Structures are given as C-alpha cells and as structure tokens.
Amino acid sequence: MNIFLKANIRDIAQKEHAYFSQKHHADVALTQAKRQCSLLIGKPETLLGIASVGAYKGAVDAKPKAKRNRALMVLGRTALFSLFQ
C-alpha cells in the first residue's frame, strides 16, 4: 500500500506543478496583452485617429459643440491615462 501512496503523491505533485506553471504563463500573457494595448493607445497616430473621428462626428452632427467637447474629453482622458501607465 505504501508504494501506491508514494506514486499517488508524486502524481499529485506533478499535476500541481503543471497547474501552477500554466497559471504563471497565463498571467504573463495577460500582462503582456495589457501592456501592448496601453502602448497602442498611447501612440500619436492612434490619438490623432481618435481626435479626427471625433472631429468628423462633430462636424456632421446636429449638435457639433457637444460632440467636439466629448471628442476633446476622450482625447484628453486617453492621453492622461497613457501618461500614468
């Protein structure tokens, strides 16, 4: 009975190691994805694209001042968040 117990304990230890290894790799992948997304948003061409879409929407809408203010707020908030990350 002792032989089977040692084999089961060894099997459990191997499975725990595999689980924690997989969990670590998933955490690393999530961190890298978050970092890449924040770097993408912080690029000048992305910020310019966001501003130009907001300006276009503001120009063709019935309430251009409200849309322009919202676009500037989104641009400012995105730039501010990219500075803090």
Protein backbone atom coordinates (compact mmCIF):
# COMPACT_ATOMS: atom_id res chain seq x y z
CA MET A 1 0.00 0.00 0.00
CA ASN A 2 2.92 2.33 0.66
CA ILE A 3 4.11 2.02 -2.96
CA PHE A 4 0.73 3.14 -4.32
CA LEU A 5 0.60 6.03 -1.89
CA LYS A 6 4.01 7.31 -2.97
CA ALA A 7 3.02 7.05 -6.62
CA ASN A 8 -0.20 8.98 -5.99
CA ILE A 9 1.61 11.68 -4.01
CA ARG A 10 4.20 12.04 -6.79
CA ASP A 11 1.41 12.24 -9.40
CA ILE A 12 -0.38 14.93 -7.39
CA ALA A 13 2.85 16.93 -7.05
CA GLN A 14 3.45 16.77 -10.82
CA LYS A 15 -0.08 17.90 -11.57
CA GLU A 16 0.20 20.79 -9.10
CA HIS A 17 3.45 21.85 -10.73
CA ALA A 18 1.85 21.74 -14.19
CA TYR A 19 -1.15 23.75 -12.92
CA PHE A 20 0.99 26.50 -11.37
CA SER A 21 3.21 26.61 -14.43
CA GLN A 22 0.19 27.04 -16.71
CA LYS A 23 -1.27 29.68 -14.38
CA HIS A 24 2.02 31.60 -14.45
CA HIS A 25 2.14 31.53 -18.26
CA ALA A 26 -1.46 32.78 -18.43
CA ASP A 27 -0.65 35.65 -16.06
CA VAL A 28 2.39 36.61 -18.12
CA ALA A 29 0.34 36.54 -21.34
CA LEU A 30 -2.36 38.71 -19.76
CA THR A 31 0.21 41.24 -18.55
CA GLN A 32 1.81 41.41 -22.00
CA ALA A 33 -1.57 41.89 -23.69
CA LYS A 34 -2.46 44.73 -21.31
CA ARG A 35 0.92 46.38 -21.90
CA GLN A 36 0.60 46.11 -25.69
CA CYS A 37 -2.91 47.60 -25.61
CA SER A 38 -1.78 50.53 -23.48
CA LEU A 39 1.17 51.15 -25.82
CA LEU A 40 -1.14 51.03 -28.83
CA ILE A 41 -3.49 53.62 -27.34
CA GLY A 42 -0.56 55.87 -26.41
CA LYS A 43 0.77 56.10 -29.98
CA PRO A 44 0.38 59.54 -31.59
CA GLU A 45 -1.30 58.16 -34.72
CA THR A 46 -3.93 56.41 -32.59
CA LEU A 47 -4.62 59.57 -30.62
CA LEU A 48 -4.81 61.56 -33.85
CA GLY A 49 -7.23 58.99 -35.28
CA ILE A 50 -9.46 59.22 -32.22
CA ALA A 51 -9.44 63.01 -32.43
CA SER A 52 -10.16 63.04 -36.16
CA VAL A 53 -13.08 60.62 -35.80
CA GLY A 54 -14.47 62.82 -33.03
CA ALA A 55 -13.98 65.94 -35.15
CA TYR A 56 -15.72 64.32 -38.10
CA LYS A 57 -18.64 63.25 -35.95
CA GLY A 58 -18.81 66.73 -34.50
CA ALA A 59 -18.81 68.34 -37.94
CA VAL A 60 -21.64 66.23 -39.38
CA ASP A 61 -23.87 66.15 -36.29
CA ALA A 62 -26.73 68.49 -35.42
CA LYS A 63 -25.03 69.34 -32.11
CA PRO A 64 -21.41 69.93 -33.15
CA LYS A 65 -20.29 71.73 -29.98
CA ALA A 66 -21.34 68.86 -27.70
CA LYS A 67 -19.65 66.26 -29.92
CA ARG A 68 -16.49 68.37 -30.18
CA ASN A 69 -16.34 68.74 -26.41
CA ARG A 70 -16.85 65.00 -25.96
CA ALA A 71 -14.11 64.22 -28.52
CA LEU A 72 -11.69 66.55 -26.76
CA MET A 73 -12.55 64.98 -23.42
CA VAL A 74 -11.93 61.48 -24.78
CA LEU A 75 -8.62 62.61 -26.30
CA GLY A 76 -7.52 64.27 -23.06
CA ARG A 77 -8.54 61.29 -20.94
CA THR A 78 -6.71 58.86 -23.24
CA ALA A 79 -3.55 60.98 -23.18
CA LEU A 80 -3.74 61.32 -19.41
CA PHE A 81 -4.18 57.58 -18.86
CA SER A 82 -1.31 56.81 -21.23
CA LEU A 83 0.95 59.07 -19.15
CA PHE A 84 0.14 57.30 -15.89
CA GLN A 85 0.69 53.76 -17.21
